[in-house]
PDB file of N, CA and C in Angstrom:
ATOM      1  N   MET A   1     -17.244   3.685   4.305  1.00  0.00           N
ATOM      2  CA  MET A   1     -16.854   4.031   2.954  1.00  0.00           C
ATOM      3  C   MET A   1     -16.318   2.790   2.248  1.00  0.00           C
ATOM      4  N   GLU A   2     -16.668   2.666   1.001  1.00  0.00           N
ATOM      5  CA  GLU A   2     -16.276   1.521   0.202  1.00  0.00           C
ATOM      6  C   GLU A   2     -14.778   1.553  -0.124  1.00  0.00           C
ATOM      7  N   LEU A   3     -14.173   0.387  -0.138  1.00  0.00           N
ATOM      8  CA  LEU A   3     -12.776   0.246  -0.522  1.00  0.00           C
ATOM      9  C   LEU A   3     -12.719  -0.146  -1.991  1.00  0.00           C
ATOM     10  N   ILE A   4     -11.948   0.612  -2.760  1.00  0.00           N
ATOM     11  CA  ILE A   4     -11.762   0.310  -4.173  1.00  0.00           C
ATOM     12  C   ILE A   4     -10.264   0.201  -4.429  1.00  0.00           C
ATOM     13  N   ILE A   5      -9.852  -0.921  -5.015  1.00  0.00           N
ATOM     14  CA  ILE A   5      -8.445  -1.136  -5.342  1.00  0.00           C
ATOM     15  C   ILE A   5      -8.343  -1.384  -6.838  1.00  0.00           C
ATOM     16  N   ASP A   6      -7.673  -0.464  -7.534  1.00  0.00           N
ATOM     17  CA  ASP A   6      -7.432  -0.618  -8.962  1.00  0.00           C
ATOM     18  C   ASP A   6      -5.969  -0.979  -9.149  1.00  0.00           C
ATOM     19  N   SER A   7      -5.697  -1.881 -10.082  1.00  0.00           N
ATOM     20  CA  SER A   7      -4.309  -2.290 -10.308  1.00  0.00           C
ATOM     21  C   SER A   7      -4.080  -2.591 -11.774  1.00  0.00           C
ATOM     22  N   LYS A   8      -2.847  -2.337 -12.199  1.00  0.00           N
ATOM     23  CA  LYS A   8      -2.425  -2.734 -13.533  1.00  0.00           C
ATOM     24  C   LYS A   8      -0.931  -2.999 -13.476  1.00  0.00           C
ATOM     25  N   PHE A   9      -0.504  -3.942 -14.283  1.00  0.00           N
ATOM     26  CA  PHE A   9       0.916  -4.267 -14.318  1.00  0.00           C
ATOM     27  C   PHE A   9       1.594  -3.391 -15.359  1.00  0.00           C
ATOM     28  N   ASP A  10       2.658  -2.718 -14.951  1.00  0.00           N
ATOM     29  CA  ASP A  10       3.455  -1.871 -15.830  1.00  0.00           C
ATOM     30  C   ASP A  10       4.636  -2.709 -16.313  1.00  0.00           C
ATOM     31  N   ALA A  11       4.497  -3.306 -17.490  1.00  0.00           N
ATOM     32  CA  ALA A  11       5.523  -4.208 -18.010  1.00  0.00           C
ATOM     33  C   ALA A  11       6.833  -3.477 -18.298  1.00  0.00           C
ATOM     34  N   GLN A  12       6.727  -2.225 -18.724  1.00  0.00           N
ATOM     35  CA  GLN A  12       7.927  -1.463 -19.052  1.00  0.00           C
ATOM     36  C   GLN A  12       8.820  -1.265 -17.824  1.00  0.00           C
ATOM     37  N   ASN A  13       8.195  -0.988 -16.682  1.00  0.00           N
ATOM     38  CA  ASN A  13       8.949  -0.756 -15.443  1.00  0.00           C
ATOM     39  C   ASN A  13       8.936  -1.966 -14.512  1.00  0.00           C
ATOM     40  N   ASN A  14       8.279  -3.041 -14.930  1.00  0.00           N
ATOM     41  CA  ASN A  14       8.192  -4.277 -14.163  1.00  0.00           C
ATOM     42  C   ASN A  14       7.713  -4.030 -12.725  1.00  0.00           C
ATOM     43  N   ASN A  15       6.544  -3.367 -12.608  1.00  0.00           N
ATOM     44  CA  ASN A  15       5.946  -3.163 -11.291  1.00  0.00           C
ATOM     45  C   ASN A  15       4.427  -3.091 -11.416  1.00  0.00           C
ATOM     46  N   TRP A  16       3.794  -3.246 -10.272  1.00  0.00           N
ATOM     47  CA  TRP A  16       2.344  -3.101 -10.185  1.00  0.00           C
ATOM     48  C   TRP A  16       2.031  -1.660  -9.825  1.00  0.00           C
ATOM     49  N   GLN A  17       1.166  -1.027 -10.585  1.00  0.00           N
ATOM     50  CA  GLN A  17       0.654   0.299 -10.277  1.00  0.00           C
ATOM     51  C   GLN A  17      -0.715   0.098  -9.626  1.00  0.00           C
ATOM     52  N   ILE A  18      -0.823   0.511  -8.374  1.00  0.00           N
ATOM     53  CA  ILE A  18      -2.028   0.234  -7.591  1.00  0.00           C
ATOM     54  C   ILE A  18      -2.568   1.544  -7.037  1.00  0.00           C
ATOM     55  N   GLU A  19      -3.876   1.680  -7.068  1.00  0.00           N
ATOM     56  CA  GLU A  19      -4.520   2.833  -6.448  1.00  0.00           C
ATOM     57  C   GLU A  19      -5.532   2.312  -5.441  1.00  0.00           C
ATOM     58  N   ILE A  20      -5.390   2.791  -4.206  1.00  0.00           N
ATOM     59  CA  ILE A  20      -6.333   2.413  -3.154  1.00  0.00           C
ATOM     60  C   ILE A  20      -7.188   3.627  -2.849  1.00  0.00           C
ATOM     61  N   ASN A  21      -8.494   3.450  -2.950  1.00  0.00           N
ATOM     62  CA  ASN A  21      -9.445   4.532  -2.717  1.00  0.00           C
ATOM     63  C   ASN A  21     -10.349   4.192  -1.546  1.00  0.00           C
ATOM     64  N   GLY A  22     -10.565   5.173  -0.676  1.00  0.00           N
ATOM     65  CA  GLY A  22     -11.486   4.991   0.444  1.00  0.00           C
ATOM     66  C   GLY A  22     -10.764   4.828   1.761  1.00  0.00           C
ATOM     67  N   GLU A  23     -11.265   3.900   2.546  1.00  0.00           N
ATOM     68  CA  GLU A  23     -10.733   3.643   3.881  1.00  0.00           C
ATOM     69  C   GLU A  23     -10.409   2.160   4.027  1.00  0.00           C
ATOM     70  N   VAL A  24      -9.330   1.873   4.760  1.00  0.00           N
ATOM     71  CA  VAL A  24      -8.976   0.488   5.038  1.00  0.00           C
ATOM     72  C   VAL A  24      -8.977   0.322   6.549  1.00  0.00           C
ATOM     73  N   ASP A  25      -9.824  -0.586   7.024  1.00  0.00           N
ATOM     74  CA  ASP A  25      -9.972  -0.776   8.461  1.00  0.00           C
ATOM     75  C   ASP A  25     -10.246  -2.245   8.772  1.00  0.00           C
ATOM     76  N   LEU A  26     -10.651  -2.493   9.988  1.00  0.00           N
ATOM     77  CA  LEU A  26     -10.922  -3.848  10.464  1.00  0.00           C
ATOM     78  C   LEU A  26     -11.844  -4.620   9.520  1.00  0.00           C
ATOM     79  N   PHE A  27     -12.797  -3.928   8.923  1.00  0.00           N
ATOM     80  CA  PHE A  27     -13.820  -4.590   8.130  1.00  0.00           C
ATOM     81  C   PHE A  27     -13.369  -4.979   6.723  1.00  0.00           C
ATOM     82  N   ASN A  28     -12.327  -4.312   6.201  1.00  0.00           N
ATOM     83  CA  ASN A  28     -11.929  -4.629   4.829  1.00  0.00           C
ATOM     84  C   ASN A  28     -10.419  -4.794   4.635  1.00  0.00           C
ATOM     85  N   SER A  29      -9.645  -4.785   5.727  1.00  0.00           N
ATOM     86  CA  SER A  29      -8.193  -4.927   5.579  1.00  0.00           C
ATOM     87  C   SER A  29      -7.819  -6.304   5.021  1.00  0.00           C
ATOM     88  N   ALA A  30      -8.589  -7.327   5.346  1.00  0.00           N
ATOM     89  CA  ALA A  30      -8.321  -8.664   4.806  1.00  0.00           C
ATOM     90  C   ALA A  30      -8.532  -8.688   3.291  1.00  0.00           C
ATOM     91  N   GLU A  31      -9.507  -7.936   2.829  1.00  0.00           N
ATOM     92  CA  GLU A  31      -9.767  -7.830   1.387  1.00  0.00           C
ATOM     93  C   GLU A  31      -8.578  -7.170   0.683  1.00  0.00           C
ATOM     94  N   MET A  32      -8.055  -6.084   1.263  1.00  0.00           N
ATOM     95  CA  MET A  32      -6.895  -5.407   0.691  1.00  0.00           C
ATOM     96  C   MET A  32      -5.687  -6.345   0.667  1.00  0.00           C
ATOM     97  N   LYS A  33      -5.461  -7.016   1.778  1.00  0.00           N
ATOM     98  CA  LYS A  33      -4.330  -7.937   1.884  1.00  0.00           C
ATOM     99  C   LYS A  33      -4.429  -9.032   0.827  1.00  0.00           C
ATOM    100  N   ALA A  34      -5.595  -9.632   0.696  1.00  0.00           N
ATOM    101  CA  ALA A  34      -5.793 -10.705  -0.279  1.00  0.00           C
ATOM    102  C   ALA A  34      -5.554 -10.216  -1.703  1.00  0.00           C
ATOM    103  N   LYS A  35      -6.040  -9.029  -2.017  1.00  0.00           N
ATOM    104  CA  LYS A  35      -5.865  -8.468  -3.359  1.00  0.00           C
ATOM    105  C   LYS A  35      -4.382  -8.243  -3.657  1.00  0.00           C
ATOM    106  N   LEU A  36      -3.649  -7.625  -2.719  1.00  0.00           N
ATOM    107  CA  LEU A  36      -2.235  -7.337  -2.946  1.00  0.00           C
ATOM    108  C   LEU A  36      -1.411  -8.621  -3.027  1.00  0.00           C
ATOM    109  N   LEU A  37      -1.725  -9.590  -2.185  1.00  0.00           N
ATOM    110  CA  LEU A  37      -1.014 -10.878  -2.245  1.00  0.00           C
ATOM    111  C   LEU A  37      -1.285 -11.602  -3.556  1.00  0.00           C
ATOM    112  N   SER A  38      -2.509 -11.497  -4.056  1.00  0.00           N
ATOM    113  CA  SER A  38      -2.835 -12.156  -5.326  1.00  0.00           C
ATOM    114  C   SER A  38      -2.058 -11.527  -6.483  1.00  0.00           C
ATOM    115  N   LEU A  39      -1.818 -10.214  -6.414  1.00  0.00           N
ATOM    116  CA  LEU A  39      -1.012  -9.567  -7.452  1.00  0.00           C
ATOM    117  C   LEU A  39       0.416 -10.093  -7.420  1.00  0.00           C
ATOM    118  N   LEU A  40       0.979 -10.213  -6.222  1.00  0.00           N
ATOM    119  CA  LEU A  40       2.338 -10.744  -6.085  1.00  0.00           C
ATOM    120  C   LEU A  40       2.429 -12.183  -6.577  1.00  0.00           C
ATOM    121  N   ASP A  41       1.394 -12.979  -6.287  1.00  0.00           N
ATOM    122  CA  ASP A  41       1.381 -14.370  -6.751  1.00  0.00           C
ATOM    123  C   ASP A  41       1.262 -14.441  -8.271  1.00  0.00           C
ATOM    124  N   GLU A  42       0.476 -13.527  -8.833  1.00  0.00           N
ATOM    125  CA  GLU A  42       0.292 -13.506 -10.290  1.00  0.00           C
ATOM    126  C   GLU A  42       1.587 -13.136 -11.001  1.00  0.00           C
ATOM    127  N   LYS A  43       2.252 -12.098 -10.507  1.00  0.00           N
ATOM    128  CA  LYS A  43       3.499 -11.642 -11.113  1.00  0.00           C
ATOM    129  C   LYS A  43       4.303 -10.925 -10.037  1.00  0.00           C
ATOM    130  N   PRO A  44       5.305 -11.585  -9.475  1.00  0.00           N
ATOM    131  CA  PRO A  44       6.127 -10.947  -8.440  1.00  0.00           C
ATOM    132  C   PRO A  44       6.836  -9.713  -8.988  1.00  0.00           C
ATOM    133  N   ALA A  45       6.548  -8.565  -8.394  1.00  0.00           N
ATOM    134  CA  ALA A  45       7.146  -7.293  -8.802  1.00  0.00           C
ATOM    135  C   ALA A  45       6.869  -6.279  -7.692  1.00  0.00           C
ATOM    136  N   ASP A  46       7.602  -5.158  -7.735  1.00  0.00           N
ATOM    137  CA  ASP A  46       7.363  -4.103  -6.756  1.00  0.00           C
ATOM    138  C   ASP A  46       5.914  -3.627  -6.841  1.00  0.00           C
ATOM    139  N   LEU A  47       5.367  -3.254  -5.691  1.00  0.00           N
ATOM    140  CA  LEU A  47       4.023  -2.691  -5.620  1.00  0.00           C
ATOM    141  C   LEU A  47       4.163  -1.188  -5.414  1.00  0.00           C
ATOM    142  N   ILE A  48       3.705  -0.408  -6.370  1.00  0.00           N
ATOM    143  CA  ILE A  48       3.706   1.045  -6.278  1.00  0.00           C
ATOM    144  C   ILE A  48       2.267   1.443  -5.954  1.00  0.00           C
ATOM    145  N   ILE A  49       2.032   1.844  -4.706  1.00  0.00           N
ATOM    146  CA  ILE A  49       0.670   2.115  -4.254  1.00  0.00           C
ATOM    147  C   ILE A  49       0.443   3.615  -4.166  1.00  0.00           C
ATOM    148  N   ASN A  50      -0.467   4.108  -4.994  1.00  0.00           N
ATOM    149  CA  ASN A  50      -0.853   5.508  -4.965  1.00  0.00           C
ATOM    150  C   ASN A  50      -1.914   5.676  -3.879  1.00  0.00           C
ATOM    151  N   CYS A  51      -1.592   6.460  -2.876  1.00  0.00           N
ATOM    152  CA  CYS A  51      -2.482   6.644  -1.724  1.00  0.00           C
ATOM    153  C   CYS A  51      -3.207   7.989  -1.765  1.00  0.00           C
ATOM    154  N   ALA A  52      -3.212   8.668  -2.909  1.00  0.00           N
ATOM    155  CA  ALA A  52      -3.809   9.997  -3.009  1.00  0.00           C
ATOM    156  C   ALA A  52      -5.278   9.996  -2.589  1.00  0.00           C
ATOM    157  N   ASN A  53      -5.989   8.901  -2.849  1.00  0.00           N
ATOM    158  CA  ASN A  53      -7.411   8.824  -2.508  1.00  0.00           C
ATOM    159  C   ASN A  53      -7.682   7.884  -1.345  1.00  0.00           C
ATOM    160  N   LEU A  54      -6.619   7.563  -0.599  1.00  0.00           N
ATOM    161  CA  LEU A  54      -6.765   6.771   0.619  1.00  0.00           C
ATOM    162  C   LEU A  54      -6.988   7.749   1.764  1.00  0.00           C
ATOM    163  N   ASP A  55      -8.161   7.663   2.391  1.00  0.00           N
ATOM    164  CA  ASP A  55      -8.532   8.648   3.400  1.00  0.00           C
ATOM    165  C   ASP A  55      -8.208   8.220   4.827  1.00  0.00           C
ATOM    166  N   TYR A  56      -8.162   6.914   5.070  1.00  0.00           N
ATOM    167  CA  TYR A  56      -7.999   6.446   6.450  1.00  0.00           C
ATOM    168  C   TYR A  56      -7.493   5.024   6.459  1.00  0.00           C
ATOM    169  N   ILE A  57      -6.602   4.715   7.397  1.00  0.00           N
ATOM    170  CA  ILE A  57      -6.225   3.333   7.675  1.00  0.00           C
ATOM    171  C   ILE A  57      -6.143   3.172   9.192  1.00  0.00           C
ATOM    172  N   ASP A  58      -6.367   1.956   9.662  1.00  0.00           N
ATOM    173  CA  ASP A  58      -6.234   1.687  11.090  1.00  0.00           C
ATOM    174  C   ASP A  58      -5.137   0.645  11.304  1.00  0.00           C
ATOM    175  N   SER A  59      -5.007   0.195  12.527  1.00  0.00           N
ATOM    176  CA  SER A  59      -3.918  -0.723  12.864  1.00  0.00           C
ATOM    177  C   SER A  59      -4.045  -2.066  12.140  1.00  0.00           C
ATOM    178  N   THR A  60      -5.257  -2.517  11.867  1.00  0.00           N
ATOM    179  CA  THR A  60      -5.395  -3.775  11.135  1.00  0.00           C
ATOM    180  C   THR A  60      -4.908  -3.613   9.700  1.00  0.00           C
ATOM    181  N   ALA A  61      -5.130  -2.443   9.127  1.00  0.00           N
ATOM    182  CA  ALA A  61      -4.638  -2.159   7.780  1.00  0.00           C
ATOM    183  C   ALA A  61      -3.111  -2.120   7.772  1.00  0.00           C
ATOM    184  N   LEU A  62      -2.522  -1.528   8.812  1.00  0.00           N
ATOM    185  CA  LEU A  62      -1.067  -1.505   8.920  1.00  0.00           C
ATOM    186  C   LEU A  62      -0.526  -2.928   9.005  1.00  0.00           C
ATOM    187  N   GLY A  63      -1.173  -3.762   9.797  1.00  0.00           N
ATOM    188  CA  GLY A  63      -0.764  -5.158   9.918  1.00  0.00           C
ATOM    189  C   GLY A  63      -0.859  -5.889   8.597  1.00  0.00           C
ATOM    190  N   ALA A  64      -1.908  -5.606   7.846  1.00  0.00           N
ATOM    191  CA  ALA A  64      -2.073  -6.236   6.537  1.00  0.00           C
ATOM    192  C   ALA A  64      -0.964  -5.796   5.588  1.00  0.00           C
ATOM    193  N   LEU A  65      -0.616  -4.515   5.608  1.00  0.00           N
ATOM    194  CA  LEU A  65       0.462  -4.019   4.754  1.00  0.00           C
ATOM    195  C   LEU A  65       1.807  -4.638   5.132  1.00  0.00           C
ATOM    196  N   VAL A  66       2.036  -4.799   6.428  1.00  0.00           N
ATOM    197  CA  VAL A  66       3.283  -5.438   6.878  1.00  0.00           C
ATOM    198  C   VAL A  66       3.340  -6.883   6.375  1.00  0.00           C
ATOM    199  N   ALA A  67       2.223  -7.586   6.443  1.00  0.00           N
ATOM    200  CA  ALA A  67       2.183  -8.974   5.958  1.00  0.00           C
ATOM    201  C   ALA A  67       2.456  -9.033   4.455  1.00  0.00           C
ATOM    202  N   VAL A  68       1.898  -8.102   3.709  1.00  0.00           N
ATOM    203  CA  VAL A  68       2.129  -8.063   2.264  1.00  0.00           C
ATOM    204  C   VAL A  68       3.594  -7.725   1.989  1.00  0.00           C
ATOM    205  N   LEU A  69       4.158  -6.788   2.750  1.00  0.00           N
ATOM    206  CA  LEU A  69       5.564  -6.426   2.578  1.00  0.00           C
ATOM    207  C   LEU A  69       6.473  -7.628   2.835  1.00  0.00           C
ATOM    208  N   LYS A  70       6.166  -8.383   3.869  1.00  0.00           N
ATOM    209  CA  LYS A  70       6.961  -9.575   4.181  1.00  0.00           C
ATOM    210  C   LYS A  70       6.929 -10.549   3.007  1.00  0.00           C
ATOM    211  N   ASN A  71       5.748 -10.743   2.436  1.00  0.00           N
ATOM    212  CA  ASN A  71       5.607 -11.625   1.286  1.00  0.00           C
ATOM    213  C   ASN A  71       6.360 -11.066   0.083  1.00  0.00           C
ATOM    214  N   ALA A  72       6.262  -9.766  -0.139  1.00  0.00           N
ATOM    215  CA  ALA A  72       6.955  -9.125  -1.258  1.00  0.00           C
ATOM    216  C   ALA A  72       8.466  -9.305  -1.132  1.00  0.00           C
ATOM    217  N   LYS A  73       8.989  -9.149   0.085  1.00  0.00           N
ATOM    218  CA  LYS A  73      10.427  -9.286   0.319  1.00  0.00           C
ATOM    219  C   LYS A  73      10.898 -10.709   0.007  1.00  0.00           C
ATOM    220  N   GLU A  74      10.042 -11.697   0.263  1.00  0.00           N
ATOM    221  CA  GLU A  74      10.382 -13.082  -0.063  1.00  0.00           C
ATOM    222  C   GLU A  74      10.579 -13.264  -1.570  1.00  0.00           C
ATOM    223  N   TYR A  75       9.896 -12.440  -2.364  1.00  0.00           N
ATOM    224  CA  TYR A  75      10.058 -12.459  -3.819  1.00  0.00           C
ATOM    225  C   TYR A  75      11.188 -11.534  -4.276  1.00  0.00           C
ATOM    226  N   GLY A  76      11.810 -10.827  -3.335  1.00  0.00           N
ATOM    227  CA  GLY A  76      12.827  -9.847  -3.701  1.00  0.00           C
ATOM    228  C   GLY A  76      12.232  -8.537  -4.174  1.00  0.00           C
ATOM    229  N   CYS A  77      10.995  -8.277  -3.777  1.00  0.00           N
ATOM    230  CA  CYS A  77      10.269  -7.077  -4.206  1.00  0.00           C
ATOM    231  C   CYS A  77      10.063  -6.141  -3.022  1.00  0.00           C
ATOM    232  N   ASP A  78       9.486  -4.980  -3.295  1.00  0.00           N
ATOM    233  CA  ASP A  78       9.270  -3.986  -2.251  1.00  0.00           C
ATOM    234  C   ASP A  78       7.926  -3.306  -2.462  1.00  0.00           C
ATOM    235  N   ILE A  79       7.534  -2.496  -1.474  1.00  0.00           N
ATOM    236  CA  ILE A  79       6.310  -1.707  -1.552  1.00  0.00           C
ATOM    237  C   ILE A  79       6.694  -0.239  -1.462  1.00  0.00           C
ATOM    238  N   TYR A  80       6.131   0.559  -2.353  1.00  0.00           N
ATOM    239  CA  TYR A  80       6.338   2.005  -2.359  1.00  0.00           C
ATOM    240  C   TYR A  80       4.980   2.672  -2.184  1.00  0.00           C
ATOM    241  N   LEU A  81       4.863   3.525  -1.192  1.00  0.00           N
ATOM    242  CA  LEU A  81       3.621   4.259  -0.933  1.00  0.00           C
ATOM    243  C   LEU A  81       3.821   5.685  -1.418  1.00  0.00           C
ATOM    244  N   LYS A  82       2.995   6.097  -2.384  1.00  0.00           N
ATOM    245  CA  LYS A  82       3.128   7.423  -2.986  1.00  0.00           C
ATOM    246  C   LYS A  82       1.917   8.278  -2.651  1.00  0.00           C
ATOM    247  N   ASN A  83       2.140   9.585  -2.621  1.00  0.00           N
ATOM    248  CA  ASN A  83       1.069  10.565  -2.435  1.00  0.00           C
ATOM    249  C   ASN A  83       0.271  10.304  -1.164  1.00  0.00           C
ATOM    250  N   ILE A  84       0.978   9.948  -0.119  1.00  0.00           N
ATOM    251  CA  ILE A  84       0.337   9.608   1.145  1.00  0.00           C
ATOM    252  C   ILE A  84      -0.086  10.903   1.869  1.00  0.00           C
ATOM    253  N   LYS A  85      -1.279  10.891   2.401  1.00  0.00           N
ATOM    254  CA  LYS A  85      -1.798  12.074   3.099  1.00  0.00           C
ATOM    255  C   LYS A  85      -1.133  12.218   4.469  1.00  0.00           C
ATOM    256  N   HIS A  86      -1.127  13.447   4.949  1.00  0.00           N
ATOM    257  CA  HIS A  86      -0.426  13.763   6.189  1.00  0.00           C
ATOM    258  C   HIS A  86      -0.915  12.922   7.376  1.00  0.00           C
ATOM    259  N   ASN A  87      -2.232  12.756   7.514  1.00  0.00           N
ATOM    260  CA  ASN A  87      -2.760  12.013   8.660  1.00  0.00           C
ATOM    261  C   ASN A  87      -2.325  10.547   8.627  1.00  0.00           C
ATOM    262  N   ILE A  88      -2.192   9.988   7.442  1.00  0.00           N
ATOM    263  CA  ILE A  88      -1.761   8.592   7.312  1.00  0.00           C
ATOM    264  C   ILE A  88      -0.247   8.490   7.497  1.00  0.00           C
ATOM    265  N   GLU A  89       0.474   9.441   6.956  1.00  0.00           N
ATOM    266  CA  GLU A  89       1.930   9.461   7.135  1.00  0.00           C
ATOM    267  C   GLU A  89       2.276   9.564   8.626  1.00  0.00           C
ATOM    268  N   LYS A  90       1.483  10.326   9.353  1.00  0.00           N
ATOM    269  CA  LYS A  90       1.691  10.482  10.800  1.00  0.00           C
ATOM    270  C   LYS A  90       1.556   9.135  11.506  1.00  0.00           C
ATOM    271  N   LEU A  91       0.597   8.333  11.105  1.00  0.00           N
ATOM    272  CA  LEU A  91       0.405   7.008  11.695  1.00  0.00           C
ATOM    273  C   LEU A  91       1.620   6.119  11.437  1.00  0.00           C
ATOM    274  N   PHE A  92       2.154   6.191  10.222  1.00  0.00           N
ATOM    275  CA  PHE A  92       3.358   5.416   9.910  1.00  0.00           C
ATOM    276  C   PHE A  92       4.541   5.873  10.772  1.00  0.00           C
ATOM    277  N   LYS A  93       4.646   7.174  11.007  1.00  0.00           N
ATOM    278  CA  LYS A  93       5.746   7.691  11.829  1.00  0.00           C
ATOM    279  C   LYS A  93       5.593   7.277  13.288  1.00  0.00           C
ATOM    280  N   ILE A  94       4.397   7.357  13.815  1.00  0.00           N
ATOM    281  CA  ILE A  94       4.139   6.990  15.214  1.00  0.00           C
ATOM    282  C   ILE A  94       4.501   5.526  15.463  1.00  0.00           C
ATOM    283  N   THR A  95       4.234   4.685  14.488  1.00  0.00           N
ATOM    284  CA  THR A  95       4.492   3.242  14.629  1.00  0.00           C
ATOM    285  C   THR A  95       5.882   2.844  14.126  1.00  0.00           C
ATOM    286  N   ASN A  96       6.671   3.822  13.691  1.00  0.00           N
ATOM    287  CA  ASN A  96       8.002   3.601  13.121  1.00  0.00           C
ATOM    288  C   ASN A  96       7.980   2.792  11.827  1.00  0.00           C
ATOM    289  N   LEU A  97       6.818   2.632  11.231  1.00  0.00           N
ATOM    290  CA  LEU A  97       6.734   1.917   9.963  1.00  0.00           C
ATOM    291  C   LEU A  97       7.221   2.773   8.796  1.00  0.00           C
ATOM    292  N   ASP A  98       7.438   4.062   9.046  1.00  0.00           N
ATOM    293  CA  ASP A  98       8.016   4.915   8.009  1.00  0.00           C
ATOM    294  C   ASP A  98       9.456   4.501   7.705  1.00  0.00           C
ATOM    295  N   LYS A  99      10.054   3.743   8.619  1.00  0.00           N
ATOM    296  CA  LYS A  99      11.412   3.246   8.415  1.00  0.00           C
ATOM    297  C   LYS A  99      11.413   1.899   7.695  1.00  0.00           C
ATOM    298  N   VAL A 100      10.239   1.286   7.567  1.00  0.00           N
ATOM    299  CA  VAL A 100      10.105  -0.030   6.953  1.00  0.00           C
ATOM    300  C   VAL A 100       9.618   0.083   5.507  1.00  0.00           C
ATOM    301  N   PHE A 101       8.710   1.022   5.265  1.00  0.00           N
ATOM    302  CA  PHE A 101       8.141   1.224   3.938  1.00  0.00           C
ATOM    303  C   PHE A 101       8.829   2.388   3.232  1.00  0.00           C
ATOM    304  N   ASN A 102       8.846   2.335   1.918  1.00  0.00           N
ATOM    305  CA  ASN A 102       9.329   3.452   1.098  1.00  0.00           C
ATOM    306  C   ASN A 102       8.158   4.399   0.915  1.00  0.00           C
ATOM    307  N   ILE A 103       8.218   5.568   1.557  1.00  0.00           N
ATOM    308  CA  ILE A 103       7.096   6.490   1.567  1.00  0.00           C
ATOM    309  C   ILE A 103       7.485   7.806   0.891  1.00  0.00           C
ATOM    310  N   GLU A 104       6.618   8.229  -0.018  1.00  0.00           N
ATOM    311  CA  GLU A 104       6.732   9.562  -0.616  1.00  0.00           C
ATOM    312  C   GLU A 104       5.544  10.360  -0.130  1.00  0.00           C
ATOM    313  N   GLY A 105       5.749  11.653   0.122  1.00  0.00           N
ATOM    314  CA  GLY A 105       4.710  12.494   0.699  1.00  0.00           C
ATOM    315  C   GLY A 105       3.552  12.788  -0.214  1.00  0.00           C
ATOM    316  N   ASP A 106       2.660  13.603   0.290  1.00  0.00           N
ATOM    317  CA  ASP A 106       1.480  14.057  -0.444  1.00  0.00           C
ATOM    318  C   ASP A 106       1.947  14.825  -1.671  1.00  0.00           C
ATOM    319  N   GLU A 107       1.346  14.535  -2.818  1.00  0.00           N
ATOM    320  CA  GLU A 107       1.747  15.217  -4.043  1.00  0.00           C
ATOM    321  C   GLU A 107       1.445  16.700  -3.992  1.00  0.00           C
ATOM    322  N   ASN A 108       0.598  17.140  -3.055  1.00  0.00           N
ATOM    323  CA  ASN A 108       0.254  18.550  -2.940  1.00  0.00           C
ATOM    324  C   ASN A 108       1.158  19.303  -1.980  1.00  0.00           C
ATOM    325  N   GLU A 109       2.083  18.603  -1.312  1.00  0.00           N
ATOM    326  CA  GLU A 109       3.001  19.272  -0.410  1.00  0.00           C
ATOM    327  C   GLU A 109       3.976  20.120  -1.207  1.00  0.00           C
ATOM    328  N   GLN A 110       4.478  21.156  -0.538  1.00  0.00           N
ATOM    329  CA  GLN A 110       5.458  22.028  -1.201  1.00  0.00           C
ATOM    330  C   GLN A 110       6.810  21.831  -0.610  1.00  0.00           C
TER     331      GLN A 110
END
């Protein structure tokens, strides 16, 4: 499945609004990492990542996100994962990365 990353800078709230669509795995995690790092280099600000259309991530994707988070922290910024699906949230919990990232649940949860 193709990876699509849409981004726009929200000047009013001073953050990046990012939507990741598809799957992030060994084959495209470097692409995701490069895109997110380029946003931070362009304008250091919090990354608000909408994961509503993110269907799958693997360990390489987790590693890429950790690397981006480390870079963001150097700028005094953070990463927020919103609308994360249950299967992906479970992966973050298993790896204890739910304690490292700011995670909000699936928007369809009750």
